[in-house]
């Protein structure tokens, strides 16, 4: 993964701008607003959550293999990030994982 993209991704996760969510890349909640998986944040900063990019870059739960290949992230590793994200109440464990392993 490009160092600049990794830095922008970590900055976005740490910014407090994104509320952590589980089970989907991004979803709207009437009570709480938008919630994002860590991978949804990555797609958002790369402008890939727009409606016209859905088939090309993501499904409801995961980025496409094509997207992961373009940014240089292994699909098994992305699955691991999604699992850590879904088992957490915030992005802290995901941030540590990305800082140490990406």
Protein backbone atom coordinates (compact mmCIF):
# COMPACT_ATOMS: atom_id res chain seq x y z
CA UNK A 1 0.00 0.00 0.00
CA UNK A 2 1.20 3.47 -0.88
CA UNK A 3 2.56 5.30 2.18
CA UNK A 4 0.47 8.42 1.44
CA UNK A 5 -2.75 6.39 1.26
CA UNK A 6 -1.89 4.57 4.50
CA UNK A 7 -1.28 7.92 6.23
CA UNK A 8 -4.54 9.42 4.92
CA UNK A 9 -6.46 6.29 5.99
CA UNK A 10 -5.00 6.33 9.49
CA UNK A 11 -5.61 10.07 9.79
CA UNK A 12 -9.25 9.57 8.79
CA UNK A 13 -9.71 6.74 11.30
CA UNK A 14 -8.19 8.86 14.08
CA UNK A 15 -9.99 12.08 13.13
CA UNK A 16 -13.28 11.42 14.89
CA UNK A 17 -15.05 12.36 11.65
CA UNK A 18 -16.12 8.75 11.09
CA UNK A 19 -18.33 6.86 13.53
CA UNK A 20 -17.38 3.19 13.71
CA UNK A 21 -19.99 0.69 12.54
CA UNK A 22 -20.15 -3.04 11.91
CA UNK A 23 -21.57 -5.45 9.36
CA UNK A 24 -21.46 -3.08 6.39
CA UNK A 25 -18.98 -0.74 4.76
CA UNK A 26 -21.24 2.22 5.54
CA UNK A 27 -24.81 2.62 6.68
CA UNK A 28 -27.14 5.42 7.64
CA UNK A 29 -28.82 5.27 11.02
CA UNK A 30 -31.64 7.73 11.76
CA UNK A 31 -30.63 7.94 15.41
CA UNK A 32 -26.85 8.09 15.05
CA UNK A 33 -26.07 9.22 11.48
CA UNK A 34 -23.55 7.51 9.21
CA UNK A 35 -21.46 4.63 10.54
CA UNK A 36 -18.43 3.14 8.78
CA UNK A 37 -16.38 -0.02 8.82
CA UNK A 38 -12.65 0.72 8.66
CA UNK A 39 -12.72 -0.46 5.03
CA UNK A 40 -15.66 1.85 4.34
CA UNK A 41 -13.51 4.74 5.55
CA UNK A 42 -10.81 3.66 3.09
CA UNK A 43 -13.34 3.57 0.25
CA UNK A 44 -14.73 6.95 1.29
CA UNK A 45 -11.37 8.73 1.30
CA UNK A 46 -10.72 7.26 -2.14
CA UNK A 47 -14.16 8.53 -3.32
CA UNK A 48 -15.36 4.99 -4.05
CA UNK A 49 -18.57 4.98 -2.00
CA UNK A 50 -20.42 7.06 -4.55
CA UNK A 51 -23.42 5.23 -6.02
CA UNK A 52 -22.01 4.96 -9.54
CA UNK A 53 -18.90 3.18 -8.27
CA UNK A 54 -20.65 0.41 -6.33
CA UNK A 55 -20.32 -2.43 -8.82
CA UNK A 56 -16.75 -1.55 -9.63
CA UNK A 57 -15.31 -0.97 -6.17
CA UNK A 58 -17.47 -2.59 -3.49
CA UNK A 59 -20.43 -4.70 -2.47
CA UNK A 60 -22.40 -4.12 0.71
CA UNK A 61 -19.86 -5.75 2.98
CA UNK A 62 -16.42 -5.62 1.37
CA UNK A 63 -14.35 -3.79 -1.21
CA UNK A 64 -13.98 -5.70 -4.47
CA UNK A 65 -10.82 -7.69 -5.15
CA UNK A 66 -10.13 -5.21 -7.95
CA UNK A 67 -10.14 -2.28 -5.51
CA UNK A 68 -7.91 -4.15 -3.05
CA UNK A 69 -5.48 -4.98 -5.84
CA UNK A 70 -5.38 -1.37 -7.05
CA UNK A 71 -4.50 -0.06 -3.59
CA UNK A 72 -2.19 -2.96 -2.73
CA UNK A 73 -4.08 -4.60 0.12
CA UNK A 74 -4.32 -8.39 0.38
CA UNK A 75 -7.92 -9.67 0.45
CA UNK A 76 -7.22 -12.04 3.38
CA UNK A 77 -5.78 -9.12 5.33
CA UNK A 78 -8.86 -7.02 4.46
CA UNK A 79 -11.04 -9.84 5.83
CA UNK A 80 -8.99 -9.77 9.03
CA UNK A 81 -9.41 -6.00 9.34
CA UNK A 82 -13.17 -6.36 8.87
CA UNK A 83 -13.30 -9.00 11.62
CA UNK A 84 -11.32 -6.86 14.06
CA UNK A 85 -13.53 -3.88 13.17
CA UNK A 86 -16.72 -5.87 13.78
CA UNK A 87 -15.45 -7.16 17.14
CA UNK A 88 -14.61 -3.63 18.39
CA UNK A 89 -16.48 -0.60 19.64
CA UNK A 90 -14.06 1.85 18.02
CA UNK A 91 -11.22 1.96 15.50
CA UNK A 92 -8.38 1.65 18.04
CA UNK A 93 -7.55 -2.03 17.41
CA UNK A 94 -7.84 -1.54 13.65
CA UNK A 95 -5.51 1.47 13.79
CA UNK A 96 -2.92 -0.56 15.70
CA UNK A 97 -3.18 -3.39 13.18
CA UNK A 98 -2.74 -1.07 10.21
CA UNK A 99 0.18 0.79 11.82
CA UNK A 100 2.01 -2.46 12.58
CA UNK A 101 1.22 -4.59 9.56
CA UNK A 102 0.40 -2.51 6.48
